[in-house]
Amino acid sequence: MDELLLQRLQDGFAADGFRMEVERTGDHAVVTVTPDGGDDCLIPKATLTGYLRNALDLDAARIEVRYPEGAE
């Protein structure tokens, strides 16, 4: 797992008013992004999953990204 890359992703979301939490269980991860602001700055889930694949060292199929209701 690349802690530095993961922290950079979390910092990027924080700068836009979001919190990104990662729950990892073995070879599966659930990533939840919650707003502290609006939802107009979120990148597509597929793009985020690609970044997370590298940060978490997991296959993309084992990463579940959860965005606020109504967001991409």
N, C-alpha and C. Protein backbone atom coordinates (compact mmCIF):
# COMPACT_ATOMS: atom_id res chain seq x y z
N MET A 1 0.86 -1.18 0.00
CA MET A 1 0.00 0.00 0.00
C MET A 1 0.90 1.24 0.00
N ASP A 2 0.54 2.20 -0.80
CA ASP A 2 1.30 3.44 -0.92
C ASP A 2 0.62 4.51 -0.05
N GLU A 3 1.07 4.62 1.18
CA GLU A 3 0.47 5.56 2.15
C GLU A 3 0.56 7.01 1.67
N LEU A 4 1.67 7.37 1.05
CA LEU A 4 1.85 8.74 0.59
C LEU A 4 0.84 9.09 -0.51
N LEU A 5 0.67 8.20 -1.48
CA LEU A 5 -0.30 8.44 -2.54
C LEU A 5 -1.72 8.51 -1.98
N LEU A 6 -2.04 7.62 -1.06
CA LEU A 6 -3.36 7.64 -0.44
C LEU A 6 -3.58 8.96 0.31
N GLN A 7 -2.59 9.42 1.03
CA GLN A 7 -2.71 10.69 1.75
C GLN A 7 -2.89 11.86 0.79
N ARG A 8 -2.20 11.82 -0.33
CA ARG A 8 -2.36 12.89 -1.33
C ARG A 8 -3.78 12.91 -1.89
N LEU A 9 -4.34 11.75 -2.13
CA LEU A 9 -5.72 11.68 -2.60
C LEU A 9 -6.67 12.25 -1.55
N GLN A 10 -6.47 11.87 -0.30
CA GLN A 10 -7.32 12.38 0.78
C GLN A 10 -7.16 13.89 0.93
N ASP A 11 -5.94 14.38 0.81
CA ASP A 11 -5.71 15.82 0.91
C ASP A 11 -6.38 16.57 -0.24
N GLY A 12 -6.36 15.98 -1.43
CA GLY A 12 -7.00 16.61 -2.58
C GLY A 12 -8.51 16.73 -2.38
N PHE A 13 -9.12 15.69 -1.85
CA PHE A 13 -10.55 15.76 -1.56
C PHE A 13 -10.82 16.78 -0.46
N ALA A 14 -9.99 16.80 0.55
CA ALA A 14 -10.18 17.75 1.66
C ALA A 14 -10.11 19.19 1.16
N ALA A 15 -9.22 19.44 0.21
CA ALA A 15 -9.09 20.79 -0.34
C ALA A 15 -10.37 21.24 -1.06
N ASP A 16 -11.13 20.27 -1.57
CA ASP A 16 -12.39 20.58 -2.25
C ASP A 16 -13.61 20.42 -1.35
N GLY A 17 -13.37 20.20 -0.06
CA GLY A 17 -14.48 20.14 0.89
C GLY A 17 -15.08 18.76 1.09
N PHE A 18 -14.28 17.71 0.85
CA PHE A 18 -14.76 16.33 1.00
C PHE A 18 -13.86 15.56 1.96
N ARG A 19 -14.39 14.50 2.48
CA ARG A 19 -13.62 13.59 3.34
C ARG A 19 -13.63 12.23 2.65
N MET A 20 -12.47 11.62 2.53
CA MET A 20 -12.37 10.29 1.92
C MET A 20 -11.89 9.31 2.98
N GLU A 21 -12.73 8.32 3.26
CA GLU A 21 -12.39 7.30 4.24
C GLU A 21 -12.20 5.96 3.55
N VAL A 22 -11.19 5.22 3.98
CA VAL A 22 -10.88 3.93 3.38
C VAL A 22 -11.00 2.84 4.43
N GLU A 23 -11.83 1.85 4.14
CA GLU A 23 -11.94 0.67 5.00
C GLU A 23 -11.42 -0.51 4.19
N ARG A 24 -10.33 -1.07 4.64
CA ARG A 24 -9.74 -2.20 3.91
C ARG A 24 -9.85 -3.46 4.75
N THR A 25 -10.35 -4.50 4.11
CA THR A 25 -10.47 -5.80 4.75
C THR A 25 -9.84 -6.82 3.81
N GLY A 26 -8.67 -7.28 4.17
CA GLY A 26 -7.97 -8.24 3.33
C GLY A 26 -7.74 -7.72 1.93
N ASP A 27 -8.36 -8.38 0.94
CA ASP A 27 -8.15 -7.98 -0.45
C ASP A 27 -9.34 -7.21 -1.03
N HIS A 28 -10.04 -6.48 -0.18
CA HIS A 28 -11.19 -5.68 -0.59
C HIS A 28 -11.13 -4.34 0.14
N ALA A 29 -11.56 -3.28 -0.53
CA ALA A 29 -11.60 -1.97 0.11
C ALA A 29 -12.89 -1.25 -0.26
N VAL A 30 -13.43 -0.54 0.70
CA VAL A 30 -14.58 0.33 0.49
C VAL A 30 -14.10 1.74 0.76
N VAL A 31 -14.27 2.60 -0.23
CA VAL A 31 -13.84 3.99 -0.12
C VAL A 31 -15.08 4.85 -0.15
N THR A 32 -15.29 5.62 0.91
CA THR A 32 -16.46 6.46 1.02
C THR A 32 -16.04 7.92 0.99
N VAL A 33 -16.65 8.67 0.09
CA VAL A 33 -16.39 10.10 -0.02
C VAL A 33 -17.64 10.82 0.45
N THR A 34 -17.47 11.66 1.46
CA THR A 34 -18.61 12.40 2.01
C THR A 34 -18.33 13.89 1.91
N PRO A 35 -19.36 14.66 1.61
CA PRO A 35 -19.15 16.10 1.43
C PRO A 35 -19.11 16.87 2.73
N ASP A 36 -18.23 17.85 2.73
CA ASP A 36 -18.28 18.90 3.72
C ASP A 36 -18.76 20.16 3.01
N GLY A 37 -18.96 20.00 1.69
CA GLY A 37 -19.43 21.09 0.83
C GLY A 37 -20.35 20.51 -0.22
N GLY A 38 -20.24 20.99 -1.45
CA GLY A 38 -21.09 20.52 -2.53
C GLY A 38 -20.52 19.27 -3.18
N ASP A 39 -21.25 18.73 -4.16
CA ASP A 39 -20.78 17.53 -4.84
C ASP A 39 -20.42 17.80 -6.30
N ASP A 40 -20.14 19.06 -6.64
CA ASP A 40 -19.88 19.40 -8.03
C ASP A 40 -18.41 19.24 -8.43
N CYS A 41 -17.54 18.87 -7.52
CA CYS A 41 -16.12 18.76 -7.83
C CYS A 41 -15.61 17.32 -7.83
N LEU A 42 -16.48 16.35 -7.79
CA LEU A 42 -16.05 14.97 -7.71
C LEU A 42 -15.59 14.46 -9.07
N ILE A 43 -14.49 13.73 -9.07
CA ILE A 43 -14.02 13.10 -10.30
C ILE A 43 -14.83 11.83 -10.53
N PRO A 44 -14.90 11.34 -11.76
CA PRO A 44 -15.65 10.11 -12.02
C PRO A 44 -15.12 8.94 -11.18
N LYS A 45 -16.01 8.07 -10.76
CA LYS A 45 -15.63 6.92 -9.93
C LYS A 45 -14.55 6.08 -10.60
N ALA A 46 -14.66 5.89 -11.91
CA ALA A 46 -13.66 5.08 -12.62
C ALA A 46 -12.28 5.69 -12.52
N THR A 47 -12.19 7.00 -12.58
CA THR A 47 -10.90 7.68 -12.46
C THR A 47 -10.34 7.51 -11.05
N LEU A 48 -11.18 7.72 -10.05
CA LEU A 48 -10.74 7.55 -8.66
C LEU A 48 -10.32 6.11 -8.40
N THR A 49 -11.06 5.16 -8.93
CA THR A 49 -10.72 3.75 -8.74
C THR A 49 -9.34 3.46 -9.32
N GLY A 50 -9.00 4.06 -10.44
CA GLY A 50 -7.68 3.89 -11.03
C GLY A 50 -6.58 4.38 -10.11
N TYR A 51 -6.78 5.55 -9.51
CA TYR A 51 -5.81 6.08 -8.54
C TYR A 51 -5.71 5.18 -7.32
N LEU A 52 -6.86 4.75 -6.83
CA LEU A 52 -6.90 3.91 -5.63
C LEU A 52 -6.25 2.55 -5.87
N ARG A 53 -6.39 2.04 -7.09
CA ARG A 53 -5.78 0.76 -7.44
C ARG A 53 -4.27 0.81 -7.16
N ASN A 54 -3.67 1.93 -7.54
CA ASN A 54 -2.24 2.10 -7.29
C ASN A 54 -1.94 2.34 -5.81
N ALA A 55 -2.74 3.18 -5.17
CA ALA A 55 -2.49 3.52 -3.77
C ALA A 55 -2.70 2.33 -2.84
N LEU A 56 -3.72 1.52 -3.14
CA LEU A 56 -4.06 0.41 -2.25
C LEU A 56 -3.44 -0.92 -2.70
N ASP A 57 -2.85 -0.93 -3.87
CA ASP A 57 -2.24 -2.14 -4.44
C ASP A 57 -3.28 -3.26 -4.50
N LEU A 58 -4.45 -2.91 -5.06
CA LEU A 58 -5.54 -3.87 -5.22
C LEU A 58 -6.05 -3.81 -6.66
N ASP A 59 -6.62 -4.91 -7.12
CA ASP A 59 -7.29 -4.94 -8.41
C ASP A 59 -8.51 -4.02 -8.33
N ALA A 60 -8.79 -3.31 -9.39
CA ALA A 60 -9.92 -2.36 -9.41
C ALA A 60 -11.25 -3.03 -9.05
N ALA A 61 -11.42 -4.28 -9.40
CA ALA A 61 -12.66 -4.99 -9.10
C ALA A 61 -12.85 -5.21 -7.61
N ARG A 62 -11.81 -5.04 -6.83
CA ARG A 62 -11.89 -5.24 -5.38
C ARG A 62 -12.02 -3.92 -4.61
N ILE A 63 -12.26 -2.84 -5.35
CA ILE A 63 -12.41 -1.53 -4.73
C ILE A 63 -13.83 -1.02 -5.01
N GLU A 64 -14.55 -0.72 -3.95
CA GLU A 64 -15.89 -0.16 -4.07
C GLU A 64 -15.84 1.30 -3.66
N VAL A 65 -16.23 2.18 -4.58
CA VAL A 65 -16.23 3.62 -4.29
C VAL A 65 -17.67 4.05 -4.06
N ARG A 66 -17.88 4.73 -2.95
CA ARG A 66 -19.21 5.24 -2.60
C ARG A 66 -19.17 6.76 -2.56
N TYR A 67 -20.01 7.37 -3.39
CA TYR A 67 -20.15 8.82 -3.42
C TYR A 67 -21.50 9.19 -2.80
N PRO A 68 -21.67 10.45 -2.44
CA PRO A 68 -22.96 10.89 -1.92
C PRO A 68 -24.06 10.65 -2.96
N GLU A 69 -25.26 10.42 -2.50
CA GLU A 69 -26.39 10.19 -3.40
C GLU A 69 -26.52 11.37 -4.37
N GLY A 70 -26.68 11.05 -5.64
CA GLY A 70 -26.83 12.07 -6.65
C GLY A 70 -25.54 12.50 -7.31
N ALA A 71 -24.40 12.09 -6.76
CA ALA A 71 -23.11 12.42 -7.36
C ALA A 71 -22.71 11.28 -8.29
N GLU A 72 -21.80 11.54 -9.20
CA GLU A 72 -21.34 10.52 -10.17
C GLU A 72 -20.81 9.33 -9.44
